[in-house]
Amino acid sequence: MADNDNKNIDFKSSKDKLEKAGDAKDSRQKKTHSRKSFAWWAGVIVLILISITFILPATGVTSLFMDTSLEFGRYNGESISYENGSYMYNQFYNLYMQYGGSMDQYSILSQAYYNTVMNVALTQKAEAAGLYVSEEMINAGIINSGYYNNDSGVFDESLYQAAGVSERTSVYNSVRDMLPASTVINDVSTVRSSDAEKAFVSSMASHGRTFDYAAFNYENYPAESVAQYVNSNPQPFMQLALTSLSFTTQQEAQSAIDEAAADPASFDAKAEEMSASSQNVLLYSLENAVGQESANAVFSAQEGSILGPYASGSSYLVCRVDGTPAMADLADEETAASVRSYINANDAALITDWAAAEADRFYQEAQTDFDAAVQDFGITVINVGFTPVSNNSSMILSGLSSTDPNGLLSSAANSDSAYEASLFSSAEGTVLAPVSVQNGVIVTRVNAETEDTANSSFVETFYDYASGSLAQSDLQSAVLTSPDFEDNFYTVLLERIIGAQQ
């Protein structure tokens, strides 16, 4: 441990040496920008990029543990433990102080654990490579950590000198312990891709196709079939005009009811304030929101009644009855769409059987003229934009998941590799056979292969960044799936922490 109280650190010298070393590294690797991936799972980005923050054991933080030391896992024989002063201990408190208001403590503990796993694994890699952490590197790391920055965001040596010895020692140790791991991840993410590789991927990105497809699913289930379904089972589709107010707490909701009882006009004032208006609500929809018993109570109430509060998810509803129950008005598009959604969720076979037969009829006609078939069937075609050959696994090539606005073609391609291959190998104008997807069927026309130079330019510009991010992601995945990683986090969490508190 460094005696930071008695030695004067030459911060200017360290900063100058760091900048010169950075310039030399840039010259060797032709690095054009730093890469900070947002794809790191379980908070790995916090481990590598977050500014170092020294947090003394916080008062007022709920204690999670019955034990003074808990081992949650091991990496290559090294224990991953929570104990006073350990890396995981400090990670937990640092993250709690940053995210304690928006994350539960178990999630924060999980993030601290996986941060620690990555730190242990990468530190071991650094040691195996013979990486040496010099005093200059540590001092430069302290400067760049931001811990001693002033209000202008600039390192202020007076703040360092004013800090207590235990605080300075903790910051020093934190930076020292993080440097091997951060050096490894920085080296991995800054390896420059070859020009030939970039040119190859750029060429892939510049050639692609567009597609048009007709979808037969619950959204275009025939109106006459919808009416027959409602007539055969009318109860769920009774509708009632309601004005509903949503409150965060039960107390707020009850207060609104009490005010309305004393002054009915207050309800209208509250509705106007909350931009609420009277709307027709189907019985089944209200049941889904507040439960069957409460929904029946609302539908049985007299016009003008104010009822509630009813728990609905994380909020509480207060409802005013603005009419009397009636059969669903299927002439209203929103109401008809709601009924179609109900059929799709509760009687999907009706949709799939109709869709299969309708798509077959459409396909036969579309073989001759796709556009004419669209007109005859009165359906809307979904246009899929320029898409390179990609199976949606690339972060640099636009796959169907981003070019298909409705997602049905993308879903079909993901579930059937042969169908996906036919999209990019079939001749221009080919109408592919119907394929089932999400309780429906689609029929797709393959358009001509085209070239998009803008897409190619995008790859040229961002390929180095993307390859660096992928390298980081691959390294993280390699660590967390390594046979050297013994992961007992959730077992220990359930048995030693949650179980001990019950």
Protein backbone atom coordinates (compact mmCIF):
# COMPACT_ATOMS: atom_id res chain seq x y z
CA MET A 1 0.00 0.00 0.00
CA ALA A 2 1.36 3.37 -0.95
CA ASP A 3 2.01 5.99 1.69
CA ASN A 4 0.10 8.74 0.01
CA ASP A 5 0.28 10.98 3.05
CA ASN A 6 4.06 11.31 3.05
CA LYS A 7 5.00 11.28 -0.58
CA ASN A 8 4.39 14.02 -3.10
CA ILE A 9 3.04 12.59 -6.34
CA ASP A 10 4.30 14.38 -9.41
CA PHE A 11 0.93 14.69 -11.09
CA LYS A 12 2.16 16.97 -13.88
CA SER A 13 4.92 14.55 -14.81
CA SER A 14 2.52 11.62 -14.70
CA LYS A 15 0.01 13.45 -16.85
CA ASP A 16 2.65 14.43 -19.42
CA LYS A 17 3.99 10.87 -19.59
CA LEU A 18 0.50 9.48 -20.00
CA GLU A 19 -0.23 11.84 -22.88
CA LYS A 20 3.07 10.96 -24.59
CA ALA A 21 2.43 7.26 -24.10
CA GLY A 22 -1.05 7.70 -25.51
CA ASP A 23 0.36 9.51 -28.55
CA ALA A 24 2.84 6.70 -29.16
CA LYS A 25 0.11 4.10 -28.87
CA ASP A 26 -2.11 6.04 -31.24
CA SER A 27 0.74 6.12 -33.74
CA ARG A 28 1.28 2.37 -33.54
CA GLN A 29 -2.39 1.41 -33.73
CA LYS A 30 -3.79 4.36 -35.69
CA LYS A 31 -6.54 4.63 -33.14
CA THR A 32 -9.02 7.31 -34.17
CA HIS A 33 -11.32 7.35 -31.17
CA SER A 34 -11.93 5.58 -27.89
CA ARG A 35 -14.60 2.95 -27.85
CA LYS A 36 -17.03 2.77 -24.99
CA SER A 37 -19.49 -0.07 -25.61
CA PHE A 38 -23.01 0.19 -24.27
CA ALA A 39 -23.57 -3.53 -24.95
CA TRP A 40 -21.87 -4.78 -21.78
CA TRP A 41 -24.26 -6.96 -19.83
CA ALA A 42 -24.57 -6.86 -16.05
CA GLY A 43 -22.84 -3.55 -15.63
CA VAL A 44 -19.43 -4.43 -17.10
CA ILE A 45 -19.36 -0.91 -18.52
CA VAL A 46 -19.32 0.33 -14.92
CA LEU A 47 -16.23 -1.74 -14.17
CA ILE A 48 -14.18 -0.33 -17.03
CA LEU A 49 -15.39 3.18 -17.67
CA ILE A 50 -17.00 4.61 -14.57
CA SER A 51 -15.13 7.29 -12.67
CA ILE A 52 -13.60 5.95 -9.49
CA THR A 53 -15.67 6.96 -6.47
CA PHE A 54 -14.54 6.27 -2.94
CA ILE A 55 -17.43 5.40 -0.66
CA LEU A 56 -16.93 4.65 3.01
CA PRO A 57 -19.30 1.98 4.39
CA ALA A 58 -22.53 3.94 4.13
CA THR A 59 -24.70 4.59 7.11
CA GLY A 60 -28.38 4.05 6.44
CA VAL A 61 -27.80 1.37 3.78
CA THR A 62 -29.90 -1.66 4.57
CA SER A 63 -27.70 -4.61 5.50
CA LEU A 64 -28.22 -7.56 3.19
CA PHE A 65 -26.08 -10.08 4.97
CA MET A 66 -26.17 -12.27 8.01
CA ASP A 67 -22.53 -13.32 7.46
CA THR A 68 -19.41 -11.16 7.52
CA SER A 69 -18.06 -13.02 4.48
CA LEU A 70 -19.89 -14.78 1.65
CA GLU A 71 -18.33 -16.55 -1.33
CA PHE A 72 -20.58 -16.28 -4.39
CA GLY A 73 -18.34 -18.02 -6.90
CA ARG A 74 -14.79 -18.66 -8.09
CA TYR A 75 -12.83 -17.85 -11.21
CA ASN A 76 -9.82 -20.02 -12.03
CA GLY A 77 -9.59 -20.94 -8.36
CA GLU A 78 -9.84 -17.37 -7.05
CA SER A 79 -12.71 -16.61 -4.69
CA ILE A 80 -15.37 -14.05 -5.64
CA SER A 81 -16.44 -12.96 -2.18
CA TYR A 82 -18.33 -10.23 -0.39
CA GLU A 83 -16.45 -9.22 2.75
CA ASN A 84 -15.40 -6.01 4.39
CA GLY A 85 -13.00 -4.12 2.12
CA SER A 86 -13.21 -6.57 -0.80
CA TYR A 87 -13.61 -5.45 -4.40
CA MET A 88 -17.19 -6.74 -4.45
CA TYR A 89 -17.93 -4.98 -1.16
CA ASN A 90 -16.73 -1.64 -2.56
CA GLN A 91 -18.56 -2.22 -5.85
CA PHE A 92 -21.80 -2.82 -3.99
CA TYR A 93 -21.61 0.38 -1.99
CA ASN A 94 -20.46 2.47 -4.96
CA LEU A 95 -23.33 1.19 -7.11
CA TYR A 96 -25.81 1.55 -4.26
CA MET A 97 -24.93 5.21 -3.86
CA GLN A 98 -25.44 5.76 -7.60
CA TYR A 99 -28.46 3.55 -8.34
CA GLY A 100 -30.01 2.78 -4.95
CA GLY A 101 -32.98 4.96 -5.76
CA SER A 102 -33.84 3.14 -8.97
CA MET A 103 -32.62 -0.45 -8.45
CA ASP A 104 -33.35 -2.97 -5.73
CA GLN A 105 -30.43 -4.10 -3.60
CA TYR A 106 -30.36 -7.64 -4.98
CA SER A 107 -29.96 -6.31 -8.53
CA ILE A 108 -27.18 -4.01 -7.36
CA LEU A 109 -25.51 -6.94 -5.59
CA SER A 110 -25.73 -8.99 -8.80
CA GLN A 111 -24.11 -6.20 -10.80
CA ALA A 112 -21.36 -5.81 -8.19
CA TYR A 113 -20.74 -9.55 -8.35
CA TYR A 114 -20.40 -9.74 -12.14
CA ASN A 115 -18.25 -6.62 -12.13
CA THR A 116 -15.98 -8.44 -9.70
CA VAL A 117 -15.91 -11.59 -11.83
CA MET A 118 -14.76 -9.55 -14.82
CA ASN A 119 -12.17 -7.73 -12.76
CA VAL A 120 -10.72 -10.99 -11.40
CA ALA A 121 -10.64 -12.66 -14.83
CA LEU A 122 -9.05 -9.71 -16.62
CA THR A 123 -6.57 -9.11 -13.82
CA GLN A 124 -5.49 -12.74 -14.12
CA LYS A 125 -5.04 -12.28 -17.86
CA ALA A 126 -2.94 -9.18 -17.21
CA GLU A 127 -0.75 -11.06 -14.74
CA ALA A 128 -0.33 -13.97 -17.17
CA ALA A 129 0.80 -11.49 -19.82
CA GLY A 130 3.32 -9.96 -17.41
CA LEU A 131 1.62 -6.58 -17.35
CA TYR A 132 3.39 -4.22 -14.97
CA VAL A 133 1.48 -1.36 -13.36
CA SER A 134 3.89 1.52 -12.74
CA GLU A 135 3.53 4.39 -10.30
CA GLU A 136 3.19 6.74 -13.27
CA MET A 137 0.22 4.71 -14.55
CA ILE A 138 -1.44 4.77 -11.13
CA ASN A 139 -0.89 8.50 -10.70
CA ALA A 140 -2.24 9.20 -14.18
CA GLY A 141 -5.22 6.97 -13.39
CA ILE A 142 -5.95 8.98 -10.25
CA ILE A 143 -5.90 12.18 -12.31
CA ASN A 144 -8.21 10.74 -14.95
CA SER A 145 -10.56 9.15 -12.41
CA GLY A 146 -12.24 12.51 -11.81
CA TYR A 147 -12.32 11.97 -8.05
CA TYR A 148 -10.25 15.08 -7.35
CA ASN A 149 -11.83 17.25 -10.05
CA ASN A 150 -13.05 20.72 -9.15
CA ASP A 151 -16.40 22.26 -10.12
CA SER A 152 -15.05 22.90 -13.63
CA GLY A 153 -14.36 19.20 -14.13
CA VAL A 154 -10.58 19.68 -13.99
CA PHE A 155 -8.14 17.86 -11.70
CA ASP A 156 -7.32 20.05 -8.70
CA GLU A 157 -4.17 19.05 -6.80
CA SER A 158 -5.30 21.09 -3.77
CA LEU A 159 -8.29 18.77 -3.37
CA TYR A 160 -5.91 15.81 -3.39
CA GLN A 161 -3.65 17.38 -0.81
CA ALA A 162 -6.65 18.25 1.40
CA ALA A 163 -7.98 14.69 1.41
CA GLY A 164 -7.39 12.46 4.44
CA VAL A 165 -4.80 9.70 4.31
CA SER A 166 -7.36 6.86 4.47
CA GLU A 167 -9.35 8.43 1.66
CA ARG A 168 -6.30 8.97 -0.55
CA THR A 169 -5.09 5.45 0.13
CA SER A 170 -8.47 3.98 -0.81
CA VAL A 171 -8.58 5.91 -4.09
CA TYR A 172 -4.99 4.90 -4.82
CA ASN A 173 -5.76 1.24 -4.17
CA SER A 174 -8.95 1.36 -6.23
CA VAL A 175 -7.12 2.77 -9.25
CA ARG A 176 -4.21 0.37 -8.80
CA ASP A 177 -6.54 -2.65 -8.59
CA MET A 178 -8.54 -1.60 -11.64
CA LEU A 179 -5.64 -0.76 -13.96
CA PRO A 180 -4.66 -4.30 -15.02
CA ALA A 181 -8.24 -5.18 -16.00
CA SER A 182 -8.91 -1.84 -17.70
CA THR A 183 -5.63 -2.11 -19.63
CA VAL A 184 -6.63 -5.54 -20.96
CA ILE A 185 -10.07 -4.36 -22.06
CA ASN A 186 -8.63 -1.22 -23.63
CA ASP A 187 -6.06 -3.26 -25.58
CA VAL A 188 -8.78 -5.65 -26.81
CA SER A 189 -11.12 -2.86 -27.89
CA THR A 190 -8.48 -0.82 -29.72
CA VAL A 191 -7.14 -3.50 -32.03
CA ARG A 192 -7.52 -2.09 -35.51
CA SER A 193 -9.32 -4.15 -38.17
CA SER A 194 -7.61 -4.71 -41.48
CA ASP A 195 -8.56 -2.57 -44.47
CA ALA A 196 -9.43 -5.72 -46.42
CA GLU A 197 -11.86 -6.86 -43.71
CA LYS A 198 -13.50 -3.45 -43.59
CA ALA A 199 -13.81 -3.34 -47.39
CA PHE A 200 -15.39 -6.81 -47.46
CA VAL A 201 -18.04 -5.96 -44.86
CA SER A 202 -18.64 -2.60 -46.54
CA SER A 203 -19.31 -4.40 -49.82
CA MET A 204 -21.79 -6.70 -48.05
CA ALA A 205 -23.57 -3.69 -46.61
CA SER A 206 -23.94 -1.96 -49.97
CA HIS A 207 -25.83 -4.83 -51.68
CA GLY A 208 -29.28 -5.89 -50.59
CA ARG A 209 -32.94 -6.23 -51.46
CA THR A 210 -36.34 -4.85 -50.62
CA PHE A 211 -39.48 -6.93 -50.07
CA ASP A 212 -43.25 -6.55 -50.08
CA TYR A 213 -45.54 -8.88 -48.18
CA ALA A 214 -49.24 -9.32 -47.56
CA ALA A 215 -50.23 -10.38 -44.07
CA PHE A 216 -53.33 -12.37 -43.17
CA ASN A 217 -53.84 -12.29 -39.42
CA TYR A 218 -56.23 -11.07 -36.73
CA GLU A 219 -55.85 -7.46 -37.84
CA ASN A 220 -57.75 -8.14 -41.09
CA TYR A 221 -60.05 -10.88 -39.81
CA PRO A 222 -63.36 -10.26 -41.68
CA ALA A 223 -65.94 -7.95 -40.08
CA GLU A 224 -68.73 -10.45 -40.63
CA SER A 225 -66.73 -13.13 -38.78
CA VAL A 226 -66.11 -10.71 -35.91
CA ALA A 227 -69.85 -9.98 -35.69
CA GLN A 228 -70.71 -13.69 -35.67
CA TYR A 229 -68.24 -14.27 -32.84
CA VAL A 230 -69.70 -11.46 -30.73
CA ASN A 231 -73.27 -12.62 -31.31
CA SER A 232 -72.39 -16.16 -30.24
CA ASN A 233 -70.70 -14.96 -27.03
CA PRO A 234 -71.96 -11.45 -26.20
CA GLN A 235 -71.14 -11.18 -22.46
CA PRO A 236 -67.42 -10.21 -22.67
CA PHE A 237 -68.24 -7.56 -25.26
CA MET A 238 -70.77 -5.51 -23.37
CA GLN A 239 -69.57 -1.93 -23.36
CA LEU A 240 -70.03 0.95 -20.94
CA ALA A 241 -69.06 4.62 -21.11
CA LEU A 242 -66.63 5.39 -18.29
CA THR A 243 -64.40 8.22 -17.17
CA SER A 244 -61.41 6.67 -15.42
CA LEU A 245 -58.82 8.47 -13.31
CA SER A 246 -55.51 6.82 -12.46
CA PHE A 247 -53.61 7.54 -9.23
CA THR A 248 -50.23 6.47 -7.91
CA THR A 249 -51.45 5.63 -4.41
CA GLN A 250 -54.66 4.28 -2.92
CA GLN A 251 -54.82 7.29 -0.60
CA GLU A 252 -54.85 9.72 -3.54
CA ALA A 253 -57.58 7.72 -5.25
CA GLN A 254 -59.72 7.58 -2.11
CA SER A 255 -59.26 11.32 -1.60
CA ALA A 256 -60.64 11.94 -5.11
CA ILE A 257 -63.69 9.80 -4.29
CA ASP A 258 -64.29 11.64 -1.03
CA GLU A 259 -64.01 15.04 -2.72
CA ALA A 260 -66.46 13.97 -5.45
CA ALA A 261 -68.94 12.81 -2.81
CA ALA A 262 -68.87 16.28 -1.25
CA ASP A 263 -68.71 18.15 -4.56
CA PRO A 264 -69.54 16.19 -7.75
CA ALA A 265 -68.04 18.97 -9.89
CA SER A 266 -64.63 18.22 -8.42
CA PHE A 267 -64.52 14.97 -10.40
CA ASP A 268 -64.91 16.84 -13.70
CA ALA A 269 -62.24 19.30 -12.63
CA LYS A 270 -59.88 16.45 -11.77
CA ALA A 271 -60.67 14.71 -15.09
CA GLU A 272 -59.88 17.87 -17.02
CA GLU A 273 -56.66 18.33 -15.07
CA MET A 274 -55.63 14.73 -15.88
CA SER A 275 -56.81 14.93 -19.52
CA ALA A 276 -59.29 12.10 -18.92
CA SER A 277 -62.50 11.77 -20.93
CA SER A 278 -65.45 9.43 -21.18
CA GLN A 279 -64.73 6.35 -23.31
CA ASN A 280 -66.52 3.12 -24.15
CA VAL A 281 -64.89 0.23 -22.28
CA LEU A 282 -65.56 -3.46 -23.00
CA LEU A 283 -66.33 -5.71 -20.04
CA TYR A 284 -63.46 -8.13 -20.72
CA SER A 285 -61.02 -5.24 -20.99
CA LEU A 286 -62.09 -3.84 -17.61
CA GLU A 287 -61.87 -7.33 -16.11
CA ASN A 288 -58.26 -7.53 -17.28
CA ALA A 289 -57.55 -4.20 -15.61
CA VAL A 290 -59.31 -4.52 -12.23
CA GLY A 291 -60.53 -8.11 -11.95
CA GLN A 292 -63.87 -9.78 -12.65
CA GLU A 293 -65.61 -8.88 -9.40
CA SER A 294 -64.75 -5.18 -9.61
CA ALA A 295 -65.63 -5.03 -13.31
CA ASN A 296 -69.03 -6.58 -12.66
CA ALA A 297 -69.63 -4.03 -9.89
CA VAL A 298 -68.91 -1.17 -12.28
CA PHE A 299 -71.18 -2.57 -15.02
CA SER A 300 -73.98 -3.07 -12.47
CA ALA A 301 -73.78 0.46 -11.04
CA GLN A 302 -76.19 3.30 -11.71
CA GLU A 303 -75.26 6.03 -14.17
CA GLY A 304 -73.34 8.77 -12.39
CA SER A 305 -71.87 6.43 -9.77
CA ILE A 306 -68.24 6.97 -8.77
CA LEU A 307 -66.53 3.74 -7.79
CA GLY A 308 -63.14 2.55 -6.60
CA PRO A 309 -60.39 2.69 -5.85
CA TYR A 310 -59.45 -0.41 -7.84
CA ALA A 311 -55.88 -1.72 -7.91
CA SER A 312 -54.71 -1.95 -11.51
CA GLY A 313 -51.06 -2.90 -11.90
CA SER A 314 -49.02 -0.31 -10.03
CA SER A 315 -51.81 2.30 -9.98
CA TYR A 316 -55.32 2.78 -8.58
CA LEU A 317 -58.38 3.56 -10.70
CA VAL A 318 -61.45 5.60 -9.88
CA CYS A 319 -64.31 5.15 -12.37
CA ARG A 320 -67.41 7.23 -13.04
CA VAL A 321 -70.25 5.52 -14.90
CA ASP A 322 -71.36 7.78 -17.76
CA GLY A 323 -74.03 5.57 -19.37
CA THR A 324 -75.71 2.19 -19.34
CA PRO A 325 -74.32 -1.15 -20.62
CA ALA A 326 -74.89 -1.92 -24.29
CA MET A 327 -73.64 -4.34 -26.96
CA ALA A 328 -70.27 -3.56 -28.50
CA ASP A 329 -70.45 -1.06 -31.37
CA LEU A 330 -68.51 -2.94 -34.05
CA ALA A 331 -68.90 -0.01 -36.42
CA ASP A 332 -66.33 1.74 -34.24
CA GLU A 333 -62.88 0.73 -35.57
CA GLU A 334 -61.21 0.81 -32.16
CA THR A 335 -63.88 -1.44 -30.66
CA ALA A 336 -63.70 -3.89 -33.57
CA ALA A 337 -59.91 -4.01 -33.28
CA SER A 338 -60.23 -4.80 -29.57
CA VAL A 339 -62.57 -7.70 -30.33
CA ARG A 340 -60.13 -9.03 -32.96
CA SER A 341 -57.35 -8.95 -30.36
CA TYR A 342 -59.58 -10.90 -27.98
CA ILE A 343 -60.26 -13.59 -30.61
CA ASN A 344 -56.56 -13.84 -31.43
CA ALA A 345 -55.71 -14.37 -27.76
CA ASN A 346 -58.56 -16.69 -26.84
CA ASP A 347 -59.57 -18.52 -30.04
CA ALA A 348 -56.43 -18.39 -32.19
CA ALA A 349 -57.50 -21.42 -34.25
CA LEU A 350 -60.27 -19.33 -35.83
CA ILE A 351 -57.68 -16.84 -37.01
CA THR A 352 -55.09 -19.35 -38.21
CA ASP A 353 -57.61 -21.47 -40.15
CA TRP A 354 -59.04 -18.42 -41.90
CA ALA A 355 -55.57 -16.96 -42.57
CA ALA A 356 -54.24 -20.18 -44.12
CA ALA A 357 -57.17 -20.50 -46.52
CA GLU A 358 -57.15 -16.80 -47.45
CA ALA A 359 -53.38 -16.72 -47.99
CA ASP A 360 -53.56 -19.76 -50.28
CA ARG A 361 -56.19 -18.05 -52.44
CA PHE A 362 -54.10 -14.86 -52.53
CA TYR A 363 -50.92 -16.79 -53.43
CA GLN A 364 -52.55 -18.43 -56.43
CA GLU A 365 -53.60 -15.07 -57.86
CA ALA A 366 -50.35 -13.31 -56.86
CA GLN A 367 -48.32 -15.75 -58.94
CA THR A 368 -49.65 -13.91 -61.99
CA ASP A 369 -49.86 -10.36 -60.64
CA PHE A 370 -49.00 -9.55 -57.01
CA ASP A 371 -50.26 -5.95 -57.18
CA ALA A 372 -53.55 -6.97 -58.75
CA ALA A 373 -54.10 -9.58 -56.05
CA VAL A 374 -53.51 -6.91 -53.41
CA GLN A 375 -56.23 -4.77 -54.99
CA ASP A 376 -58.68 -7.67 -55.31
CA PHE A 377 -58.25 -8.74 -51.68
CA GLY A 378 -58.32 -5.17 -50.38
CA ILE A 379 -55.34 -5.57 -48.07
CA THR A 380 -52.42 -3.32 -47.20
CA VAL A 381 -48.94 -4.39 -48.28
CA ILE A 382 -46.05 -4.03 -45.84
CA ASN A 383 -42.94 -2.61 -47.52
CA VAL A 384 -39.58 -3.76 -46.18
CA GLY A 385 -36.71 -1.37 -46.84
CA PHE A 386 -33.23 -2.05 -48.18
CA THR A 387 -31.79 -5.07 -46.37
CA PRO A 388 -28.31 -6.59 -46.85
CA VAL A 389 -27.82 -10.32 -46.53
CA SER A 390 -27.82 -10.69 -42.75
CA ASN A 391 -29.31 -13.03 -40.18
CA ASN A 392 -29.95 -10.19 -37.73
CA SER A 393 -26.84 -11.10 -35.73
CA SER A 394 -24.69 -8.23 -36.97
CA MET A 395 -24.53 -4.88 -35.18
CA ILE A 396 -23.18 -3.18 -38.31
CA LEU A 397 -25.38 -4.72 -41.05
CA SER A 398 -29.07 -3.81 -41.01
CA GLY A 399 -31.09 -7.00 -40.68
CA LEU A 400 -34.79 -7.60 -41.20
CA SER A 401 -35.36 -6.87 -37.51
CA SER A 402 -34.65 -3.19 -38.24
CA THR A 403 -36.00 -2.88 -41.80
CA ASP A 404 -39.31 -4.75 -41.42
CA PRO A 405 -41.73 -2.26 -39.82
CA ASN A 406 -44.27 -4.90 -38.71
CA GLY A 407 -41.75 -7.60 -37.81
CA LEU A 408 -43.64 -10.49 -39.42
CA LEU A 409 -41.14 -11.17 -42.22
CA SER A 410 -38.27 -10.87 -39.77
CA SER A 411 -39.96 -13.36 -37.43
CA ALA A 412 -40.58 -15.83 -40.26
CA ALA A 413 -36.96 -15.59 -41.42
CA ASN A 414 -35.60 -16.07 -37.91
CA SER A 415 -37.61 -19.25 -37.39
CA ASP A 416 -36.85 -20.81 -40.81
CA SER A 417 -33.33 -20.55 -42.24
CA ALA A 418 -34.41 -22.02 -45.59
CA TYR A 419 -37.08 -19.36 -45.95
CA GLU A 420 -34.56 -16.70 -45.04
CA ALA A 421 -32.15 -17.99 -47.70
CA SER A 422 -34.90 -17.91 -50.33
CA LEU A 423 -35.48 -14.21 -49.64
CA PHE A 424 -31.99 -13.35 -50.88
CA SER A 425 -31.49 -16.07 -53.50
CA SER A 426 -34.81 -16.03 -55.41
CA ALA A 427 -35.14 -14.24 -58.73
CA GLU A 428 -36.58 -10.74 -58.87
CA GLY A 429 -40.39 -10.77 -58.76
CA THR A 430 -40.64 -14.22 -57.17
CA VAL A 431 -43.69 -14.63 -54.93
CA LEU A 432 -42.78 -17.03 -52.16
CA ALA A 433 -45.22 -19.62 -50.88
CA PRO A 434 -47.30 -18.72 -47.80
CA VAL A 435 -45.52 -19.10 -44.44
CA SER A 436 -47.13 -19.17 -41.00
CA VAL A 437 -46.08 -16.56 -38.44
CA GLN A 438 -47.67 -15.36 -35.17
CA ASN A 439 -51.16 -16.88 -35.61
CA GLY A 440 -51.22 -15.66 -39.21
CA VAL A 441 -49.75 -16.19 -42.66
CA ILE A 442 -47.68 -13.94 -44.93
CA VAL A 443 -47.04 -14.02 -48.66
CA THR A 444 -43.87 -12.25 -49.79
CA ARG A 445 -42.66 -10.81 -53.09
CA VAL A 446 -38.90 -10.61 -53.60
CA ASN A 447 -37.75 -7.42 -55.33
CA ALA A 448 -34.60 -6.70 -57.31
CA GLU A 449 -31.15 -6.56 -55.72
CA THR A 450 -30.06 -2.94 -55.35
CA GLU A 451 -27.04 -1.00 -54.16
CA ASP A 452 -27.01 1.48 -51.31
CA THR A 453 -23.79 3.50 -51.10
CA ALA A 454 -24.97 5.32 -47.97
CA ASN A 455 -25.09 2.01 -46.11
CA SER A 456 -21.57 1.25 -47.29
CA SER A 457 -20.35 4.64 -46.09
CA PHE A 458 -21.89 3.99 -42.68
CA VAL A 459 -19.86 0.80 -42.37
CA GLU A 460 -16.68 2.59 -43.43
CA THR A 461 -17.25 5.22 -40.75
CA PHE A 462 -18.25 3.04 -37.81
CA TYR A 463 -16.62 -0.32 -38.48
CA ASP A 464 -13.65 0.25 -36.18
CA TYR A 465 -15.99 1.23 -33.34
CA ALA A 466 -18.25 -1.75 -33.97
CA SER A 467 -15.39 -4.25 -34.17
CA GLY A 468 -13.97 -2.90 -30.90
CA SER A 469 -17.36 -3.24 -29.20
CA LEU A 470 -17.74 -6.77 -30.54
CA ALA A 471 -14.29 -7.65 -29.24
CA GLN A 472 -15.31 -6.41 -25.80
CA SER A 473 -18.56 -8.35 -25.95
CA ASP A 474 -16.76 -11.52 -27.07
CA LEU A 475 -14.28 -11.20 -24.20
CA GLN A 476 -17.06 -10.70 -21.68
CA SER A 477 -18.92 -13.71 -23.06
CA ALA A 478 -15.76 -15.82 -22.99
CA VAL A 479 -15.24 -15.01 -19.30
CA LEU A 480 -18.81 -15.65 -18.19
CA THR A 481 -19.09 -18.93 -20.14
CA SER A 482 -15.61 -20.17 -19.27
CA PRO A 483 -15.27 -23.56 -17.54
CA ASP A 484 -12.98 -21.70 -15.12
CA PHE A 485 -16.00 -19.73 -13.87
CA GLU A 486 -17.86 -21.36 -10.99
CA ASP A 487 -21.04 -19.34 -10.60
CA ASN A 488 -23.05 -19.88 -7.42
CA PHE A 489 -24.49 -16.39 -7.12
CA TYR A 490 -28.20 -17.19 -7.15
CA THR A 491 -27.81 -20.26 -4.95
CA VAL A 492 -26.00 -18.21 -2.29
CA LEU A 493 -28.44 -15.31 -2.71
CA LEU A 494 -31.49 -17.53 -2.15
CA GLU A 495 -30.08 -19.71 0.60
CA ARG A 496 -27.78 -17.44 2.58
CA ILE A 497 -29.36 -13.99 2.17
CA ILE A 498 -33.03 -14.16 1.22
CA GLY A 499 -33.55 -17.40 3.16
CA ALA A 500 -31.82 -16.01 6.23
CA GLN A 501 -34.13 -12.99 6.28
CA GLN A 502 -37.33 -15.02 6.23
